[in-house]
Protein backbone atom coordinates (compact mmCIF):
# COMPACT_ATOMS: atom_id res chain seq x y z
CA MET A 1 7.28 0.17 -26.09
CA SER A 2 3.81 0.66 -27.41
CA VAL A 3 1.07 2.82 -25.97
CA GLU A 4 -0.72 -0.38 -24.93
CA ASN A 5 2.36 -1.57 -23.03
CA TYR A 6 2.65 1.80 -21.30
CA LEU A 7 -1.00 1.69 -20.28
CA ALA A 8 -0.55 -1.85 -18.93
CA ALA A 9 2.52 -0.73 -16.96
CA ARG A 10 0.56 2.24 -15.62
CA THR A 11 -2.28 -0.06 -14.53
CA GLU A 12 0.17 -2.41 -12.80
CA PHE A 13 1.90 0.47 -11.00
CA THR A 14 -1.44 1.82 -9.80
CA ALA A 15 -2.37 -1.61 -8.44
CA VAL A 16 0.94 -2.13 -6.63
CA ARG A 17 0.83 1.40 -5.21
CA GLY A 18 -2.65 0.61 -3.87
CA GLU A 19 -1.34 -2.56 -2.20
CA LEU A 20 1.47 -0.57 -0.57
CA GLN A 21 -0.99 2.06 0.63
CA SER A 22 -3.19 -0.69 2.13
CA LEU A 23 -0.22 -2.15 4.00
CA SER A 24 0.81 1.23 5.34
CA ALA A 25 -2.78 2.04 6.38
CA ILE A 26 -2.92 -1.10 8.54
CA MET A 27 0.40 -0.27 10.15
CA ALA A 28 -0.62 3.35 10.70
CA GLU A 29 -3.91 2.28 12.30
CA VAL A 30 -2.07 0.02 14.74
CA ALA A 31 0.58 2.66 15.48
CA THR A 32 -2.04 5.32 16.18
CA SER A 33 -4.01 2.98 18.43
CA LEU A 34 -0.90 1.97 20.37
CA GLN A 35 0.15 5.59 20.81
CA GLN A 36 -3.24 7.04 21.71
CA HIS A 37 -5.16 4.14 23.28
CA PRO A 38 -2.78 1.36 24.38
CA THR A 39 -5.21 0.04 26.99
CA ARG A 40 -8.00 -0.19 24.41
CA PHE A 41 -6.24 -2.03 21.60
CA ILE A 42 -6.03 -5.71 20.69
CA PHE A 43 -5.15 -7.80 17.70
CA ALA A 44 -8.11 -10.04 16.89
CA ASN A 45 -7.72 -13.65 15.72
CA GLN A 46 -4.68 -14.45 17.82
CA PRO A 47 -4.37 -16.54 21.01
CA ILE A 48 -3.26 -14.03 23.66
CA ALA A 49 -5.99 -12.72 25.95
CA LEU A 50 -6.00 -9.19 27.34
CA PRO A 51 -8.16 -7.61 30.04
CA MET A 52 -11.79 -6.92 29.22
CA GLU A 53 -11.16 -3.16 28.97
CA ALA A 54 -8.99 -3.81 25.91
CA THR A 55 -11.58 -5.92 24.15
CA PHE A 56 -15.04 -4.93 25.29
CA ALA A 57 -14.86 -1.21 26.03
CA ARG A 58 -17.02 1.03 23.88
CA ASP A 59 -13.96 2.74 22.46
CA SER A 60 -11.73 -0.32 22.12
CA ARG A 61 -10.00 -0.87 18.81
CA SER A 62 -8.92 -4.06 17.12
CA VAL A 63 -7.12 -5.10 13.99
CA ASP A 64 -7.21 -8.58 12.51
CA ALA A 65 -3.84 -10.16 13.30
CA ASN A 66 -3.98 -11.94 9.94
CA ALA A 67 -3.99 -8.56 8.18
CA TRP A 68 -0.71 -7.50 9.82
CA PRO A 69 1.95 -7.66 7.10
CA THR A 70 5.15 -9.63 7.54
CA VAL A 71 8.50 -8.08 6.70
CA ASP A 72 8.64 -10.43 3.72
CA LYS A 73 5.25 -9.16 2.46
CA ILE A 74 6.34 -5.52 2.85
CA MET A 75 9.67 -6.09 1.10
CA LYS A 76 8.14 -8.06 -1.78
CA THR A 77 5.54 -5.33 -2.25
CA LEU A 78 8.29 -2.69 -2.23
CA GLU A 79 10.25 -4.73 -4.76
CA ARG A 80 7.20 -4.89 -7.04
CA TYR A 81 6.60 -1.15 -6.48
CA HIS A 82 10.12 -0.23 -7.63
CA SER A 83 9.89 -2.56 -10.62
CA ALA A 84 6.49 -1.20 -11.65
CA LYS A 85 7.71 2.39 -11.18
CA SER A 86 10.64 1.77 -13.51
CA ALA A 87 8.40 0.05 -16.05
CA VAL A 88 5.92 2.92 -16.20
CA GLU A 89 8.65 5.57 -16.44
CA ASN A 90 10.56 3.63 -19.10
CA GLY A 91 7.33 2.94 -20.95
CA TRP A 92 6.52 6.63 -21.09
CA ASN A 93 10.00 7.54 -22.26
CA ALA A 94 9.77 4.95 -25.07
CA ILE A 95 6.61 6.44 -26.56
CA PRO A 96 7.40 8.92 -29.34
CA GLN A 97 6.30 12.47 -28.56
CA GLN A 98 3.70 12.49 -31.36
CA GLN A 99 1.98 9.44 -29.84
CA ARG A 100 1.74 10.92 -26.32
CA GLU A 101 -1.19 13.20 -27.13
CA GLY A 102 -4.17 12.24 -25.01
CA LEU A 103 -2.07 10.18 -22.60
CA ARG A 104 -1.31 11.12 -19.02
CA ASP A 105 2.36 11.15 -18.25
CA PRO A 106 3.37 9.14 -15.18
CA THR A 107 4.51 12.06 -13.04
CA ASP A 108 1.10 12.18 -11.34
CA LEU A 109 1.63 8.57 -10.23
CA VAL A 110 5.27 8.48 -9.27
CA ALA A 111 5.72 11.90 -7.67
CA ARG A 112 7.93 11.61 -4.61
CA ARG A 113 6.13 12.03 -1.32
């Protein structure tokens, strides 16, 4: 694999990781709201009505129902994440040591959390 291919794989991994972080941020926001303020939370853009305190209170929270990820969306994003992770790691390992100077190795991207 060439340096260019590695850099493309690194760019793709960064993008997919960002998508996964966006999905988890939406889920975390909903989870926090449901745990801390269940009477002040509503999904917007869906047909079920809740009491006014859930929708019009000063401290009410809402999340667009259309932004809530499906299981299929989460799993496909995870599938792409694992594929991109392998591609960036394999790409790095394929670059000869003498060509790695000036490149960032992928450990900063794929560190386990």
